[in-house]
């Protein structure tokens, strides 16, 4: 079960793959990148609207028109100074993540594919727009560009943490057009990453569906196994 992107699978399997299938993997498109910044701060984020501070994860984008403009430019490969961002303050929902004078905050911004900018200052300024005084709470920080993300994890091609662009074609046919997209030309080898349908998210369905495919082909199981928690039998 290969939990890797299309590019990495091609690199790992190499000449074992039929040339036609390798060419198809080579045509698989990747989307915009993510650039991340980690902060150690001395106090909770001072949001202008205190109600925002009750959320562990906050999306920063402005108006609908702002988000549309930011995302359209980013997908087209153009840099924007105020990108769409996600900000996470884990201690909001898990106070054990913070001490009396230190707590972690991290954020990532949507940036063009392969962008090599250190995003730390851009992200800091973006948060500052909605939380004046945030900069004064920063004790330490570090940044990861989209290009550096791929170095950290080769599956994030160009910083694409979605493991492939979500185009209309690639929503249904990831990474190549096959009746069973989880199978590969190699017997007993399956793809189960977000490079397969239904694509990226926290649903886990790529692995689940790949496992069902393997169970059906190798063990004749046509009914999904029961994955519900088992109740402990009383004596």
Protein backbone atom coordinates (compact mmCIF):
# COMPACT_ATOMS: atom_id res chain seq x y z
CA UNK A 1 0.00 0.00 0.00
CA UNK A 2 1.88 3.05 -1.31
CA UNK A 3 0.94 6.25 0.55
CA UNK A 4 3.00 8.40 -1.83
CA UNK A 5 2.29 10.93 -4.57
CA UNK A 6 2.29 10.01 -8.25
CA UNK A 7 5.75 11.48 -8.81
CA UNK A 8 7.26 9.60 -5.88
CA UNK A 9 5.65 6.33 -6.92
CA UNK A 10 7.18 6.70 -10.38
CA UNK A 11 10.57 7.43 -8.81
CA UNK A 12 10.36 4.42 -6.48
CA UNK A 13 9.02 1.89 -8.98
CA UNK A 14 11.16 3.21 -11.84
CA UNK A 15 11.67 0.86 -14.78
CA UNK A 16 9.37 -1.76 -13.25
CA UNK A 17 6.44 0.31 -14.52
CA UNK A 18 5.29 0.02 -18.15
CA UNK A 19 6.42 3.07 -20.18
CA UNK A 20 2.84 4.11 -20.97
CA UNK A 21 1.86 4.16 -17.30
CA UNK A 22 5.01 6.08 -16.36
CA UNK A 23 4.24 8.68 -19.01
CA UNK A 24 0.71 9.00 -17.63
CA UNK A 25 2.11 9.58 -14.14
CA UNK A 26 4.42 12.20 -15.60
CA UNK A 27 1.41 14.11 -16.94
CA UNK A 28 -0.19 14.28 -13.50
CA UNK A 29 -0.50 17.94 -12.54
CA UNK A 30 0.33 19.48 -9.18
CA UNK A 31 -1.33 22.53 -7.70
CA UNK A 32 -0.30 25.59 -5.67
CA UNK A 33 2.02 25.24 -2.72
CA UNK A 34 1.71 25.82 1.00
CA UNK A 35 4.21 27.96 2.89
CA UNK A 36 4.26 27.54 6.66
CA UNK A 37 5.43 29.58 9.63
CA UNK A 38 5.78 28.39 13.23
CA UNK A 39 5.63 30.89 16.09
CA UNK A 40 6.27 30.67 19.79
CA UNK A 41 4.23 33.44 21.40
CA UNK A 42 3.92 34.75 24.94
CA UNK A 43 0.12 34.99 25.04
CA UNK A 44 -3.02 34.12 23.08
CA UNK A 45 -3.47 35.81 19.68
CA UNK A 46 -4.98 39.27 20.34
CA UNK A 47 -7.77 39.08 17.75
CA UNK A 48 -9.68 42.31 17.14
CA UNK A 49 -12.86 40.29 17.58
CA UNK A 50 -12.42 38.29 20.83
CA UNK A 51 -14.90 35.65 19.61
CA UNK A 52 -12.36 34.57 16.96
CA UNK A 53 -10.04 33.53 19.79
CA UNK A 54 -12.46 30.75 20.72
CA UNK A 55 -11.55 28.86 17.53
CA UNK A 56 -8.53 26.59 17.39
CA UNK A 57 -8.20 27.11 13.62
CA UNK A 58 -9.00 30.38 11.84
CA UNK A 59 -9.23 31.02 8.09
CA UNK A 60 -7.99 34.46 7.02
CA UNK A 61 -9.04 35.64 3.60
CA UNK A 62 -11.13 38.78 3.83
CA UNK A 63 -14.22 39.12 1.67
CA UNK A 64 -15.45 36.60 -0.89
CA UNK A 65 -14.03 38.83 -3.62
CA UNK A 66 -10.68 39.02 -1.81
CA UNK A 67 -10.42 35.25 -1.54
CA UNK A 68 -11.38 34.76 -5.19
CA UNK A 69 -8.71 37.24 -6.28
CA UNK A 70 -6.04 35.72 -4.01
CA UNK A 71 -6.70 32.12 -5.01
CA UNK A 72 -7.03 32.89 -8.73
CA UNK A 73 -3.66 34.65 -8.75
CA UNK A 74 -1.99 31.90 -6.72
CA UNK A 75 -3.24 29.11 -8.99
CA UNK A 76 -1.96 31.10 -11.97
CA UNK A 77 1.49 31.26 -10.37
CA UNK A 78 1.41 34.92 -9.34
CA UNK A 79 2.57 36.01 -5.91
CA UNK A 80 0.26 38.04 -3.69
CA UNK A 81 1.27 39.97 -0.58
CA UNK A 82 -1.86 39.02 1.38
CA UNK A 83 -2.62 35.37 0.56
CA UNK A 84 -5.37 33.14 1.90
CA UNK A 85 -4.18 31.61 5.18
CA UNK A 86 -5.04 29.15 7.91
CA UNK A 87 -3.94 29.95 11.47
CA UNK A 88 -3.85 27.34 14.23
CA UNK A 89 -3.62 28.06 17.96
CA UNK A 90 -3.68 24.52 19.43
CA UNK A 91 -3.79 25.65 23.06
CA UNK A 92 -7.30 27.04 22.52
CA UNK A 93 -8.72 23.51 22.46
CA UNK A 94 -5.90 21.79 24.39
CA UNK A 95 -4.58 24.05 27.19
CA UNK A 96 -1.82 21.54 27.95
CA UNK A 97 -0.08 22.74 24.77
CA UNK A 98 0.75 26.04 26.51
CA UNK A 99 2.76 27.08 29.55
CA UNK A 100 2.31 30.25 31.58
CA UNK A 101 4.32 32.39 29.15
CA UNK A 102 4.67 30.37 25.94
CA UNK A 103 2.32 28.75 23.45
CA UNK A 104 2.71 27.49 19.86
CA UNK A 105 0.96 29.11 16.93
CA UNK A 106 1.40 28.01 13.35
CA UNK A 107 -0.03 29.15 10.05
CA UNK A 108 0.23 28.29 6.39
CA UNK A 109 -0.48 30.40 3.34
CA UNK A 110 -1.47 29.41 -0.18
CA UNK A 111 1.40 30.37 -2.51
CA UNK A 112 2.38 29.59 -6.11
CA UNK A 113 3.74 26.14 -6.90
CA UNK A 114 7.41 25.91 -5.93
CA UNK A 115 7.52 29.39 -4.35
CA UNK A 116 10.89 29.81 -2.60
CA UNK A 117 10.06 32.81 -0.38
CA UNK A 118 10.47 32.55 3.38
CA UNK A 119 6.85 33.23 4.39
CA UNK A 120 7.45 34.18 8.02
CA UNK A 121 7.17 37.96 7.70
CA UNK A 122 4.30 37.79 5.21
CA UNK A 123 2.32 35.53 7.54
CA UNK A 124 3.14 37.66 10.56
CA UNK A 125 1.90 40.81 8.84
CA UNK A 126 -1.26 39.03 7.68
CA UNK A 127 -2.14 37.93 11.20
CA UNK A 128 -1.32 41.41 12.49
CA UNK A 129 -4.06 42.85 10.24
CA UNK A 130 -6.68 40.93 12.21
CA UNK A 131 -4.86 40.81 15.55
CA UNK A 132 -3.03 44.10 16.22
CA UNK A 133 -0.16 43.53 18.62
CA UNK A 134 0.47 39.95 17.54
CA UNK A 135 4.03 40.79 16.48
CA UNK A 136 4.86 41.97 19.99
CA UNK A 137 3.95 38.55 21.42
CA UNK A 138 6.38 36.59 19.21
CA UNK A 139 9.24 34.98 21.13
CA UNK A 140 10.65 32.90 18.25
CA UNK A 141 9.71 31.95 14.71
CA UNK A 142 10.75 29.86 11.71
CA UNK A 143 9.44 29.53 8.18
CA UNK A 144 9.16 26.86 5.49
CA UNK A 145 8.78 27.94 1.88
CA UNK A 146 6.78 25.82 -0.55
CA UNK A 147 10.04 24.70 -2.16
CA UNK A 148 11.46 23.73 1.23
CA UNK A 149 8.31 21.75 1.99
CA UNK A 150 9.15 19.42 -0.90
CA UNK A 151 12.65 18.96 0.51
CA UNK A 152 11.09 18.09 3.87
CA UNK A 153 8.63 15.65 2.26
CA UNK A 154 9.10 14.72 -1.43
CA UNK A 155 5.39 13.89 -1.65
CA UNK A 156 4.67 17.64 -1.38
CA UNK A 157 5.73 18.37 -4.96
CA UNK A 158 6.31 22.10 -5.25
CA UNK A 159 4.81 22.46 -1.79
CA UNK A 160 1.49 20.95 -2.93
CA UNK A 161 0.23 19.29 0.26
CA UNK A 162 -2.87 18.12 -1.65
CA UNK A 163 -0.74 15.61 -3.62
CA UNK A 164 -2.11 16.85 -6.94
CA UNK A 165 -4.16 19.65 -8.46
CA UNK A 166 -7.91 19.36 -7.99
CA UNK A 167 -8.91 20.00 -11.59
CA UNK A 168 -12.23 18.60 -12.89
CA UNK A 169 -10.36 15.79 -14.64
CA UNK A 170 -8.12 14.97 -11.71
CA UNK A 171 -10.95 14.94 -9.20
CA UNK A 172 -12.28 11.80 -10.89
CA UNK A 173 -9.15 10.35 -12.50
CA UNK A 174 -6.29 10.45 -10.04
CA UNK A 175 -3.49 9.86 -10.86
CA UNK A 176 -4.29 8.16 -14.21
CA UNK A 177 -7.49 6.99 -15.97
CA UNK A 178 -8.10 3.43 -14.68
CA UNK A 179 -11.22 1.45 -13.81
CA UNK A 180 -9.70 0.96 -10.39
CA UNK A 181 -7.43 3.95 -9.69
CA UNK A 182 -5.90 2.30 -6.61
CA UNK A 183 -4.37 -0.54 -8.59
CA UNK A 184 -1.08 -0.23 -10.44
CA UNK A 185 0.52 -2.32 -13.20
CA UNK A 186 2.59 -4.02 -10.47
CA UNK A 187 0.80 -7.06 -9.01
CA UNK A 188 -0.14 -6.56 -5.39
CA UNK A 189 0.94 -2.90 -5.32
CA UNK A 190 -1.68 -0.26 -4.61
CA UNK A 191 -1.73 3.53 -4.35
CA UNK A 192 -3.58 4.88 -1.32
CA UNK A 193 -2.46 8.52 -1.10
CA UNK A 194 -4.34 11.75 -1.82
CA UNK A 195 -3.14 11.32 -5.41
CA UNK A 196 -6.10 8.90 -5.72
CA UNK A 197 -9.85 9.63 -5.47
CA UNK A 198 -11.50 11.34 -3.71
CA UNK A 199 -8.36 13.42 -3.20
CA UNK A 200 -7.06 15.48 -0.28
CA UNK A 201 -8.78 16.09 3.03
CA UNK A 202 -8.94 14.50 6.47
CA UNK A 203 -11.50 11.86 5.44
CA UNK A 204 -9.10 8.92 5.07
CA UNK A 205 -11.18 7.57 2.19
CA UNK A 206 -8.24 7.12 -0.20
CA UNK A 207 -6.69 4.51 2.08
CA UNK A 208 -10.05 2.94 2.92
CA UNK A 209 -11.03 2.49 -0.72
CA UNK A 210 -7.57 1.21 -1.67
CA UNK A 211 -7.79 -1.36 1.14
CA UNK A 212 -11.22 -2.50 -0.08
CA UNK A 213 -9.80 -2.93 -3.56
CA UNK A 214 -6.96 -5.08 -2.24
CA UNK A 215 -9.28 -7.15 -0.03
CA UNK A 216 -11.63 -7.78 -2.94
CA UNK A 217 -8.87 -8.80 -5.35
CA UNK A 218 -6.69 -10.87 -3.04
CA UNK A 219 -9.15 -12.24 -0.49
CA UNK A 220 -12.48 -12.25 -2.31
CA UNK A 221 -14.07 -9.91 0.22
CA UNK A 222 -16.95 -8.04 -1.40
CA UNK A 223 -18.44 -6.74 1.85
CA UNK A 224 -16.45 -4.13 3.78
CA UNK A 225 -15.30 -5.39 7.18
CA UNK A 226 -16.91 -3.91 10.29
CA UNK A 227 -14.63 -1.15 11.57
CA UNK A 228 -16.81 -0.07 14.47
CA UNK A 229 -15.30 -0.27 17.99
CA UNK A 230 -15.87 -3.64 19.56
CA UNK A 231 -17.71 -3.65 22.85
CA UNK A 232 -15.92 -5.51 25.60
CA UNK A 233 -17.93 -8.56 26.55
CA UNK A 234 -19.01 -8.72 30.15
CA UNK A 235 -18.32 -11.97 32.03
